[in-house]
Amino acid sequence: MARESSARSSIKDLDVDHYTAFTNALTSILSTEKAEITYAEIIDGMPTAATWKDYSSVRHDLVQKHYELCEGSLETAKEFRANFRPDSLQFDTTVRFLTATIYLV
């Protein structure tokens, strides 16, 4: 059985050292080419054939023919990153307490 206590929090609630560490880490991750391409593929609505090949062993004819991102997807991803404010993120701070039941056979 689970009990929970729910609340939302922002990184603005962190002390300055943790806030700075979090925003620096997140900004560094979002600045990578892999993150940029991944977000552009999400905006595009479909991975490129190269990404699909790297991460899936299932054949999908539509994706196999999707060699490049649709026009504007990469630019939209770059614009998002340029305007992204990490302090706009909200986190669910729900704490779940689980009780374990042990069955001895």
PDB file of N, CA and C in Angstrom:
ATOM      1  N   MET A   1       0.845  -1.172   0.000  1.00  0.00           N
ATOM      2  CA  MET A   1       0.000   0.000   0.000  1.00  0.00           C
ATOM      3  C   MET A   1       0.892   1.237   0.000  1.00  0.00           C
ATOM      4  N   ALA A   2       0.492   2.289  -0.714  1.00  0.00           N
ATOM      5  CA  ALA A   2       1.312   3.489  -0.825  1.00  0.00           C
ATOM      6  C   ALA A   2       0.588   4.691  -0.225  1.00  0.00           C
ATOM      7  N   ARG A   3       1.351   5.497   0.488  1.00  0.00           N
ATOM      8  CA  ARG A   3       0.860   6.796   0.955  1.00  0.00           C
ATOM      9  C   ARG A   3       1.643   7.836   0.177  1.00  0.00           C
ATOM     10  N   GLU A   4       1.028   8.968  -0.126  1.00  0.00           N
ATOM     11  CA  GLU A   4       1.792   9.998  -0.797  1.00  0.00           C
ATOM     12  C   GLU A   4       1.480  11.391  -0.291  1.00  0.00           C
ATOM     13  N   SER A   5       2.465  12.244  -0.446  1.00  0.00           N
ATOM     14  CA  SER A   5       2.345  13.651  -0.121  1.00  0.00           C
ATOM     15  C   SER A   5       2.824  14.384  -1.369  1.00  0.00           C
ATOM     16  N   SER A   6       1.997  15.240  -1.935  1.00  0.00           N
ATOM     17  CA  SER A   6       2.323  15.823  -3.232  1.00  0.00           C
ATOM     18  C   SER A   6       2.514  17.337  -3.153  1.00  0.00           C
ATOM     19  N   ALA A   7       3.496  17.811  -3.889  1.00  0.00           N
ATOM     20  CA  ALA A   7       3.745  19.241  -4.016  1.00  0.00           C
ATOM     21  C   ALA A   7       4.569  19.468  -5.278  1.00  0.00           C
ATOM     22  N   ARG A   8       4.606  20.708  -5.732  1.00  0.00           N
ATOM     23  CA  ARG A   8       5.427  21.054  -6.891  1.00  0.00           C
ATOM     24  C   ARG A   8       6.492  22.032  -6.433  1.00  0.00           C
ATOM     25  N   SER A   9       7.637  21.946  -7.110  1.00  0.00           N
ATOM     26  CA  SER A   9       8.746  22.804  -6.747  1.00  0.00           C
ATOM     27  C   SER A   9       9.473  23.242  -8.009  1.00  0.00           C
ATOM     28  N   SER A  10      10.254  24.276  -7.884  1.00  0.00           N
ATOM     29  CA  SER A  10      11.042  24.807  -8.992  1.00  0.00           C
ATOM     30  C   SER A  10      12.506  24.823  -8.561  1.00  0.00           C
ATOM     31  N   ILE A  11      13.402  24.889  -9.535  1.00  0.00           N
ATOM     32  CA  ILE A  11      14.814  24.989  -9.165  1.00  0.00           C
ATOM     33  C   ILE A  11      15.105  26.336  -8.514  1.00  0.00           C
ATOM     34  N   LYS A  12      14.186  27.288  -8.629  1.00  0.00           N
ATOM     35  CA  LYS A  12      14.344  28.568  -7.934  1.00  0.00           C
ATOM     36  C   LYS A  12      14.377  28.356  -6.423  1.00  0.00           C
ATOM     37  N   ASP A  13      13.862  27.214  -5.971  1.00  0.00           N
ATOM     38  CA  ASP A  13      13.840  26.905  -4.545  1.00  0.00           C
ATOM     39  C   ASP A  13      15.184  26.390  -4.036  1.00  0.00           C
ATOM     40  N   LEU A  14      16.118  26.119  -4.934  1.00  0.00           N
ATOM     41  CA  LEU A  14      17.428  25.618  -4.535  1.00  0.00           C
ATOM     42  C   LEU A  14      18.317  26.748  -4.026  1.00  0.00           C
ATOM     43  N   ASP A  15      19.314  26.398  -3.214  1.00  0.00           N
ATOM     44  CA  ASP A  15      20.289  27.412  -2.813  1.00  0.00           C
ATOM     45  C   ASP A  15      21.129  27.760  -4.046  1.00  0.00           C
ATOM     46  N   VAL A  16      21.851  28.858  -3.989  1.00  0.00           N
ATOM     47  CA  VAL A  16      22.554  29.386  -5.158  1.00  0.00           C
ATOM     48  C   VAL A  16      23.560  28.391  -5.746  1.00  0.00           C
ATOM     49  N   ASP A  17      24.280  27.650  -4.908  1.00  0.00           N
ATOM     50  CA  ASP A  17      25.270  26.692  -5.422  1.00  0.00           C
ATOM     51  C   ASP A  17      24.601  25.556  -6.204  1.00  0.00           C
ATOM     52  N   HIS A  18      23.518  25.009  -5.651  1.00  0.00           N
ATOM     53  CA  HIS A  18      22.809  23.928  -6.334  1.00  0.00           C
ATOM     54  C   HIS A  18      22.078  24.446  -7.583  1.00  0.00           C
ATOM     55  N   TYR A  19      21.529  25.634  -7.492  1.00  0.00           N
ATOM     56  CA  TYR A  19      20.864  26.247  -8.649  1.00  0.00           C
ATOM     57  C   TYR A  19      21.862  26.410  -9.796  1.00  0.00           C
ATOM     58  N   THR A  20      23.022  26.950  -9.489  1.00  0.00           N
ATOM     59  CA  THR A  20      24.053  27.176 -10.510  1.00  0.00           C
ATOM     60  C   THR A  20      24.532  25.852 -11.100  1.00  0.00           C
ATOM     61  N   ALA A  21      24.769  24.863 -10.251  1.00  0.00           N
ATOM     62  CA  ALA A  21      25.219  23.553 -10.738  1.00  0.00           C
ATOM     63  C   ALA A  21      24.179  22.927 -11.654  1.00  0.00           C
ATOM     64  N   PHE A  22      22.905  22.991 -11.250  1.00  0.00           N
ATOM     65  CA  PHE A  22      21.839  22.405 -12.061  1.00  0.00           C
ATOM     66  C   PHE A  22      21.707  23.117 -13.401  1.00  0.00           C
ATOM     67  N   THR A  23      21.648  24.437 -13.398  1.00  0.00           N
ATOM     68  CA  THR A  23      21.476  25.169 -14.662  1.00  0.00           C
ATOM     69  C   THR A  23      22.683  24.990 -15.573  1.00  0.00           C
ATOM     70  N   ASN A  24      23.892  24.954 -15.003  1.00  0.00           N
ATOM     71  CA  ASN A  24      25.085  24.722 -15.831  1.00  0.00           C
ATOM     72  C   ASN A  24      25.056  23.333 -16.461  1.00  0.00           C
ATOM     73  N   ALA A  25      24.692  22.331 -15.676  1.00  0.00           N
ATOM     74  CA  ALA A  25      24.639  20.958 -16.195  1.00  0.00           C
ATOM     75  C   ALA A  25      23.571  20.839 -17.290  1.00  0.00           C
ATOM     76  N   LEU A  26      22.394  21.361 -17.029  1.00  0.00           N
ATOM     77  CA  LEU A  26      21.313  21.265 -18.012  1.00  0.00           C
ATOM     78  C   LEU A  26      21.653  22.033 -19.288  1.00  0.00           C
ATOM     79  N   THR A  27      22.217  23.209 -19.153  1.00  0.00           N
ATOM     80  CA  THR A  27      22.614  24.001 -20.319  1.00  0.00           C
ATOM     81  C   THR A  27      23.686  23.275 -21.129  1.00  0.00           C
ATOM     82  N   SER A  28      24.632  22.650 -20.435  1.00  0.00           N
ATOM     83  CA  SER A  28      25.684  21.895 -21.129  1.00  0.00           C
ATOM     84  C   SER A  28      25.105  20.724 -21.908  1.00  0.00           C
ATOM     85  N   ILE A  29      24.169  20.010 -21.291  1.00  0.00           N
ATOM     86  CA  ILE A  29      23.539  18.871 -21.970  1.00  0.00           C
ATOM     87  C   ILE A  29      22.756  19.337 -23.184  1.00  0.00           C
ATOM     88  N   LEU A  30      21.955  20.385 -23.019  1.00  0.00           N
ATOM     89  CA  LEU A  30      21.133  20.879 -24.133  1.00  0.00           C
ATOM     90  C   LEU A  30      21.968  21.477 -25.257  1.00  0.00           C
ATOM     91  N   SER A  31      23.209  21.839 -24.961  1.00  0.00           N
ATOM     92  CA  SER A  31      24.083  22.435 -25.978  1.00  0.00           C
ATOM     93  C   SER A  31      24.802  21.397 -26.830  1.00  0.00           C
ATOM     94  N   THR A  32      24.649  20.122 -26.498  1.00  0.00           N
ATOM     95  CA  THR A  32      25.316  19.093 -27.298  1.00  0.00           C
ATOM     96  C   THR A  32      24.587  18.904 -28.628  1.00  0.00           C
ATOM     97  N   GLU A  33      25.340  18.475 -29.622  1.00  0.00           N
ATOM     98  CA  GLU A  33      24.748  18.221 -30.937  1.00  0.00           C
ATOM     99  C   GLU A  33      23.691  17.113 -30.848  1.00  0.00           C
ATOM    100  N   LYS A  34      23.956  16.087 -30.035  1.00  0.00           N
ATOM    101  CA  LYS A  34      23.024  14.970 -29.886  1.00  0.00           C
ATOM    102  C   LYS A  34      21.677  15.463 -29.341  1.00  0.00           C
ATOM    103  N   ALA A  35      21.711  16.327 -28.337  1.00  0.00           N
ATOM    104  CA  ALA A  35      20.469  16.867 -27.771  1.00  0.00           C
ATOM    105  C   ALA A  35      19.740  17.730 -28.794  1.00  0.00           C
ATOM    106  N   GLU A  36      20.488  18.522 -29.526  1.00  0.00           N
ATOM    107  CA  GLU A  36      19.903  19.390 -30.544  1.00  0.00           C
ATOM    108  C   GLU A  36      19.189  18.570 -31.625  1.00  0.00           C
ATOM    109  N   ILE A  37      19.859  17.542 -32.117  1.00  0.00           N
ATOM    110  CA  ILE A  37      19.272  16.681 -33.150  1.00  0.00           C
ATOM    111  C   ILE A  37      18.072  15.916 -32.592  1.00  0.00           C
ATOM    112  N   THR A  38      18.207  15.402 -31.375  1.00  0.00           N
ATOM    113  CA  THR A  38      17.111  14.646 -30.767  1.00  0.00           C
ATOM    114  C   THR A  38      15.867  15.516 -30.618  1.00  0.00           C
ATOM    115  N   TYR A  39      16.039  16.729 -30.117  1.00  0.00           N
ATOM    116  CA  TYR A  39      14.887  17.613 -29.950  1.00  0.00           C
ATOM    117  C   TYR A  39      14.307  17.996 -31.316  1.00  0.00           C
ATOM    118  N   ALA A  40      15.168  18.203 -32.304  1.00  0.00           N
ATOM    119  CA  ALA A  40      14.687  18.512 -33.656  1.00  0.00           C
ATOM    120  C   ALA A  40      13.875  17.343 -34.221  1.00  0.00           C
ATOM    121  N   GLU A  41      14.298  16.112 -33.931  1.00  0.00           N
ATOM    122  CA  GLU A  41      13.542  14.934 -34.380  1.00  0.00           C
ATOM    123  C   GLU A  41      12.189  14.858 -33.685  1.00  0.00           C
ATOM    124  N   ILE A  42      12.136  15.237 -32.417  1.00  0.00           N
ATOM    125  CA  ILE A  42      10.859  15.275 -31.700  1.00  0.00           C
ATOM    126  C   ILE A  42       9.945  16.312 -32.328  1.00  0.00           C
ATOM    127  N   ILE A  43      10.479  17.481 -32.619  1.00  0.00           N
ATOM    128  CA  ILE A  43       9.697  18.541 -33.271  1.00  0.00           C
ATOM    129  C   ILE A  43       9.233  18.074 -34.643  1.00  0.00           C
ATOM    130  N   ASP A  44      10.120  17.393 -35.360  1.00  0.00           N
ATOM    131  CA  ASP A  44       9.830  16.865 -36.695  1.00  0.00           C
ATOM    132  C   ASP A  44       8.744  15.791 -36.637  1.00  0.00           C
ATOM    133  N   GLY A  45       8.701  15.080 -35.521  1.00  0.00           N
ATOM    134  CA  GLY A  45       7.698  14.030 -35.371  1.00  0.00           C
ATOM    135  C   GLY A  45       8.176  12.652 -35.774  1.00  0.00           C
ATOM    136  N   MET A  46       9.443  12.566 -36.174  1.00  0.00           N
ATOM    137  CA  MET A  46       9.970  11.280 -36.624  1.00  0.00           C
ATOM    138  C   MET A  46      11.494  11.317 -36.588  1.00  0.00           C
ATOM    139  N   PRO A  47      12.114  10.224 -36.169  1.00  0.00           N
ATOM    140  CA  PRO A  47      13.575  10.195 -36.208  1.00  0.00           C
ATOM    141  C   PRO A  47      14.070  10.073 -37.650  1.00  0.00           C
ATOM    142  N   THR A  48      15.305  10.464 -37.867  1.00  0.00           N
ATOM    143  CA  THR A  48      15.889  10.238 -39.186  1.00  0.00           C
ATOM    144  C   THR A  48      16.221   8.755 -39.319  1.00  0.00           C
ATOM    145  N   ALA A  49      16.439   8.316 -40.518  1.00  0.00           N
ATOM    146  CA  ALA A  49      16.771   6.908 -40.764  1.00  0.00           C
ATOM    147  C   ALA A  49      18.035   6.512 -40.010  1.00  0.00           C
ATOM    148  N   ALA A  50      19.014   7.412 -39.953  1.00  0.00           N
ATOM    149  CA  ALA A  50      20.269   7.111 -39.262  1.00  0.00           C
ATOM    150  C   ALA A  50      20.032   6.881 -37.769  1.00  0.00           C
ATOM    151  N   THR A  51      19.220   7.718 -37.146  1.00  0.00           N
ATOM    152  CA  THR A  51      18.911   7.544 -35.726  1.00  0.00           C
ATOM    153  C   THR A  51      18.150   6.253 -35.504  1.00  0.00           C
ATOM    154  N   TRP A  52      17.175   5.999 -36.363  1.00  0.00           N
ATOM    155  CA  TRP A  52      16.369   4.778 -36.238  1.00  0.00           C
ATOM    156  C   TRP A  52      17.263   3.544 -36.324  1.00  0.00           C
ATOM    157  N   LYS A  53      18.191   3.579 -37.270  1.00  0.00           N
ATOM    158  CA  LYS A  53      19.103   2.440 -37.466  1.00  0.00           C
ATOM    159  C   LYS A  53      19.980   2.231 -36.235  1.00  0.00           C
ATOM    160  N   ASP A  54      20.421   3.322 -35.621  1.00  0.00           N
ATOM    161  CA  ASP A  54      21.293   3.231 -34.442  1.00  0.00           C
ATOM    162  C   ASP A  54      20.571   2.686 -33.214  1.00  0.00           C
ATOM    163  N   TYR A  55      19.265   2.927 -33.112  1.00  0.00           N
ATOM    164  CA  TYR A  55      18.567   2.610 -31.867  1.00  0.00           C
ATOM    165  C   TYR A  55      17.429   1.604 -31.997  1.00  0.00           C
ATOM    166  N   SER A  56      17.175   1.105 -33.177  1.00  0.00           N
ATOM    167  CA  SER A  56      16.077   0.152 -33.329  1.00  0.00           C
ATOM    168  C   SER A  56      16.461  -0.948 -34.292  1.00  0.00           C
ATOM    169  N   SER A  57      16.058  -2.148 -33.952  1.00  0.00           N
ATOM    170  CA  SER A  57      16.314  -3.272 -34.852  1.00  0.00           C
ATOM    171  C   SER A  57      15.073  -3.610 -35.672  1.00  0.00           C
ATOM    172  N   VAL A  58      14.013  -2.857 -35.462  1.00  0.00           N
ATOM    173  CA  VAL A  58      12.753  -3.094 -36.175  1.00  0.00           C
ATOM    174  C   VAL A  58      12.738  -2.260 -37.449  1.00  0.00           C
ATOM    175  N   ARG A  59      12.374  -2.888 -38.549  1.00  0.00           N
ATOM    176  CA  ARG A  59      12.298  -2.178 -39.827  1.00  0.00           C
ATOM    177  C   ARG A  59      11.001  -1.377 -39.893  1.00  0.00           C
ATOM    178  N   HIS A  60      11.106  -0.158 -40.361  1.00  0.00           N
ATOM    179  CA  HIS A  60       9.926   0.686 -40.525  1.00  0.00           C
ATOM    180  C   HIS A  60      10.127   1.482 -41.817  1.00  0.00           C
ATOM    181  N   ASP A  61       9.365   1.136 -42.852  1.00  0.00           N
ATOM    182  CA  ASP A  61       9.578   1.717 -44.177  1.00  0.00           C
ATOM    183  C   ASP A  61       9.506   3.238 -44.205  1.00  0.00           C
ATOM    184  N   LEU A  62       8.588   3.824 -43.452  1.00  0.00           N
ATOM    185  CA  LEU A  62       8.455   5.281 -43.460  1.00  0.00           C
ATOM    186  C   LEU A  62       9.711   5.942 -42.900  1.00  0.00           C
ATOM    187  N   VAL A  63      10.219   5.417 -41.804  1.00  0.00           N
ATOM    188  CA  VAL A  63      11.421   5.988 -41.195  1.00  0.00           C
ATOM    189  C   VAL A  63      12.644   5.702 -42.053  1.00  0.00           C
ATOM    190  N   GLN A  64      12.704   4.531 -42.677  1.00  0.00           N
ATOM    191  CA  GLN A  64      13.848   4.168 -43.513  1.00  0.00           C
ATOM    192  C   GLN A  64      14.069   5.184 -44.638  1.00  0.00           C
ATOM    193  N   LYS A  65      13.025   5.883 -45.033  1.00  0.00           N
ATOM    194  CA  LYS A  65      13.122   6.857 -46.131  1.00  0.00           C
ATOM    195  C   LYS A  65      13.261   8.295 -45.627  1.00  0.00           C
ATOM    196  N   HIS A  66      13.321   8.476 -44.314  1.00  0.00           N
ATOM    197  CA  HIS A  66      13.410   9.813 -43.724  1.00  0.00           C
ATOM    198  C   HIS A  66      14.874  10.135 -43.438  1.00  0.00           C
ATOM    199  N   TYR A  67      15.579  10.619 -44.469  1.00  0.00           N
ATOM    200  CA  TYR A  67      17.021  10.806 -44.389  1.00  0.00           C
ATOM    201  C   TYR A  67      17.450  12.097 -43.703  1.00  0.00           C
ATOM    202  N   GLU A  68      16.597  13.098 -43.729  1.00  0.00           N
ATOM    203  CA  GLU A  68      16.955  14.362 -43.090  1.00  0.00           C
ATOM    204  C   GLU A  68      15.733  14.977 -42.421  1.00  0.00           C
ATOM    205  N   LEU A  69      16.006  15.884 -41.507  1.00  0.00           N
ATOM    206  CA  LEU A  69      14.932  16.548 -40.779  1.00  0.00           C
ATOM    207  C   LEU A  69      14.105  17.420 -41.728  1.00  0.00           C
ATOM    208  N   CYS A  70      12.829  17.553 -41.417  1.00  0.00           N
ATOM    209  CA  CYS A  70      11.977  18.446 -42.200  1.00  0.00           C
ATOM    210  C   CYS A  70      12.438  19.883 -41.988  1.00  0.00           C
ATOM    211  N   GLU A  71      12.202  20.690 -42.984  1.00  0.00           N
ATOM    212  CA  GLU A  71      12.612  22.088 -42.945  1.00  0.00           C
ATOM    213  C   GLU A  71      12.057  22.786 -41.709  1.00  0.00           C
ATOM    214  N   GLY A  72      12.915  23.492 -41.026  1.00  0.00           N
ATOM    215  CA  GLY A  72      12.515  24.269 -39.862  1.00  0.00           C
ATOM    216  C   GLY A  72      12.651  23.553 -38.531  1.00  0.00           C
ATOM    217  N   SER A  73      12.755  22.233 -38.542  1.00  0.00           N
ATOM    218  CA  SER A  73      12.840  21.482 -37.275  1.00  0.00           C
ATOM    219  C   SER A  73      14.083  21.839 -36.471  1.00  0.00           C
ATOM    220  N   LEU A  74      15.228  21.843 -37.119  1.00  0.00           N
ATOM    221  CA  LEU A  74      16.476  22.151 -36.429  1.00  0.00           C
ATOM    222  C   LEU A  74      16.492  23.598 -35.948  1.00  0.00           C
ATOM    223  N   GLU A  75      16.003  24.501 -36.766  1.00  0.00           N
ATOM    224  CA  GLU A  75      15.957  25.910 -36.387  1.00  0.00           C
ATOM    225  C   GLU A  75      15.033  26.120 -35.187  1.00  0.00           C
ATOM    226  N   THR A  76      13.916  25.412 -35.169  1.00  0.00           N
ATOM    227  CA  THR A  76      12.984  25.511 -34.040  1.00  0.00           C
ATOM    228  C   THR A  76      13.631  24.993 -32.771  1.00  0.00           C
ATOM    229  N   ALA A  77      14.370  23.887 -32.870  1.00  0.00           N
ATOM    230  CA  ALA A  77      15.066  23.334 -31.706  1.00  0.00           C
ATOM    231  C   ALA A  77      16.111  24.322 -31.189  1.00  0.00           C
ATOM    232  N   LYS A  78      16.853  24.938 -32.091  1.00  0.00           N
ATOM    233  CA  LYS A  78      17.869  25.924 -31.693  1.00  0.00           C
ATOM    234  C   LYS A  78      17.221  27.141 -31.046  1.00  0.00           C
ATOM    235  N   GLU A  79      16.103  27.575 -31.583  1.00  0.00           N
ATOM    236  CA  GLU A  79      15.386  28.715 -31.010  1.00  0.00           C
ATOM    237  C   GLU A  79      14.870  28.381 -29.606  1.00  0.00           C
ATOM    238  N   PHE A  80      14.338  27.166 -29.454  1.00  0.00           N
ATOM    239  CA  PHE A  80      13.879  26.737 -28.136  1.00  0.00           C
ATOM    240  C   PHE A  80      15.023  26.797 -27.130  1.00  0.00           C
ATOM    241  N   ARG A  81      16.163  26.221 -27.506  1.00  0.00           N
ATOM    242  CA  ARG A  81      17.315  26.199 -26.602  1.00  0.00           C
ATOM    243  C   ARG A  81      17.767  27.613 -26.256  1.00  0.00           C
ATOM    244  N   ALA A  82      17.779  28.503 -27.229  1.00  0.00           N
ATOM    245  CA  ALA A  82      18.223  29.878 -26.987  1.00  0.00           C
ATOM    246  C   ALA A  82      17.296  30.613 -26.016  1.00  0.00           C
ATOM    247  N   ASN A  83      16.017  30.273 -26.038  1.00  0.00           N
ATOM    248  CA  ASN A  83      15.037  30.958 -25.194  1.00  0.00           C
ATOM    249  C   ASN A  83      14.671  30.188 -23.928  1.00  0.00           C
ATOM    250  N   PHE A  84      15.227  28.995 -23.769  1.00  0.00           N
ATOM    251  CA  PHE A  84      14.860  28.142 -22.644  1.00  0.00           C
ATOM    252  C   PHE A  84      15.379  28.706 -21.333  1.00  0.00           C
ATOM    253  N   ARG A  85      14.509  28.750 -20.346  1.00  0.00           N
ATOM    254  CA  ARG A  85      14.865  29.197 -18.997  1.00  0.00           C
ATOM    255  C   ARG A  85      14.737  28.006 -18.052  1.00  0.00           C
ATOM    256  N   PRO A  86      15.848  27.461 -17.572  1.00  0.00           N
ATOM    257  CA  PRO A  86      15.760  26.313 -16.675  1.00  0.00           C
ATOM    258  C   PRO A  86      14.880  26.559 -15.453  1.00  0.00           C
ATOM    259  N   ASP A  87      14.820  27.809 -14.988  1.00  0.00           N
ATOM    260  CA  ASP A  87      14.005  28.075 -13.801  1.00  0.00           C
ATOM    261  C   ASP A  87      12.502  28.033 -14.068  1.00  0.00           C
ATOM    262  N   SER A  88      12.130  27.781 -15.318  1.00  0.00           N
ATOM    263  CA  SER A  88      10.704  27.620 -15.630  1.00  0.00           C
ATOM    264  C   SER A  88      10.229  26.183 -15.371  1.00  0.00           C
ATOM    265  N   LEU A  89      11.183  25.267 -15.139  1.00  0.00           N
ATOM    266  CA  LEU A  89      10.829  23.877 -14.893  1.00  0.00           C
ATOM    267  C   LEU A  89      10.143  23.718 -13.542  1.00  0.00           C
ATOM    268  N   GLN A  90       9.138  22.879 -13.512  1.00  0.00           N
ATOM    269  CA  GLN A  90       8.447  22.528 -12.280  1.00  0.00           C
ATOM    270  C   GLN A  90       8.621  21.027 -12.064  1.00  0.00           C
ATOM    271  N   PHE A  91       8.857  20.629 -10.836  1.00  0.00           N
ATOM    272  CA  PHE A  91       9.059  19.231 -10.506  1.00  0.00           C
ATOM    273  C   PHE A  91       8.021  18.771  -9.499  1.00  0.00           C
ATOM    274  N   ASP A  92       7.555  17.568  -9.692  1.00  0.00           N
ATOM    275  CA  ASP A  92       6.654  16.946  -8.735  1.00  0.00           C
ATOM    276  C   ASP A  92       7.524  16.422  -7.605  1.00  0.00           C
ATOM    277  N   THR A  93       7.277  16.886  -6.417  1.00  0.00           N
ATOM    278  CA  THR A  93       8.075  16.459  -5.272  1.00  0.00           C
ATOM    279  C   THR A  93       7.338  15.406  -4.448  1.00  0.00           C
ATOM    280  N   THR A  94       6.481  14.657  -5.130  1.00  0.00           N
ATOM    281  CA  THR A  94       5.735  13.611  -4.447  1.00  0.00           C
ATOM    282  C   THR A  94       6.687  12.609  -3.814  1.00  0.00           C
ATOM    283  N   VAL A  95       6.406  12.306  -2.591  1.00  0.00           N
ATOM    284  CA  VAL A  95       7.154  11.271  -1.888  1.00  0.00           C
ATOM    285  C   VAL A  95       6.214  10.092  -1.722  1.00  0.00           C
ATOM    286  N   ARG A  96       6.647   8.963  -2.184  1.00  0.00           N
ATOM    287  CA  ARG A  96       5.820   7.761  -2.072  1.00  0.00           C
ATOM    288  C   ARG A  96       6.420   6.836  -1.025  1.00  0.00           C
ATOM    289  N   PHE A  97       5.598   6.449  -0.095  1.00  0.00           N
ATOM    290  CA  PHE A  97       6.020   5.515   0.940  1.00  0.00           C
ATOM    291  C   PHE A  97       5.403   4.174   0.619  1.00  0.00           C
ATOM    292  N   LEU A  98       6.235   3.204   0.387  1.00  0.00           N
ATOM    293  CA  LEU A  98       5.738   1.871   0.064  1.00  0.00           C
ATOM    294  C   LEU A  98       5.968   0.940   1.245  1.00  0.00           C
ATOM    295  N   THR A  99       5.010   0.150   1.480  1.00  0.00           N
ATOM    296  CA  THR A  99       5.193  -0.873   2.508  1.00  0.00           C
ATOM    297  C   THR A  99       5.364  -2.203   1.803  1.00  0.00           C
ATOM    298  N   ALA A 100       6.321  -2.947   2.226  1.00  0.00           N
ATOM    299  CA  ALA A 100       6.600  -4.233   1.595  1.00  0.00           C
ATOM    300  C   ALA A 100       5.920  -5.349   2.377  1.00  0.00           C
ATOM    301  N   THR A 101       5.412  -6.275   1.654  1.00  0.00           N
ATOM    302  CA  THR A 101       4.841  -7.466   2.255  1.00  0.00           C
ATOM    303  C   THR A 101       5.727  -8.644   1.870  1.00  0.00           C
ATOM    304  N   ILE A 102       6.193  -9.354   2.852  1.00  0.00           N
ATOM    305  CA  ILE A 102       7.079 -10.475   2.598  1.00  0.00           C
ATOM    306  C   ILE A 102       6.272 -11.761   2.791  1.00  0.00           C
ATOM    307  N   TYR A 103       6.305 -12.590   1.795  1.00  0.00           N
ATOM    308  CA  TYR A 103       5.634 -13.873   1.860  1.00  0.00           C
ATOM    309  C   TYR A 103       6.671 -14.967   2.038  1.00  0.00           C
ATOM    310  N   LEU A 104       6.557 -15.699   3.089  1.00  0.00           N
ATOM    311  CA  LEU A 104       7.464 -16.826   3.310  1.00  0.00           C
ATOM    312  C   LEU A 104       6.764 -18.098   2.855  1.00  0.00           C
ATOM    313  N   VAL A 105       7.438 -18.824   2.042  1.00  0.00           N
ATOM    314  CA  VAL A 105       6.845 -20.055   1.520  1.00  0.00           C
ATOM    315  C   VAL A 105       7.457 -21.247   2.217  1.00  0.00           C
TER     316      VAL A 105
END
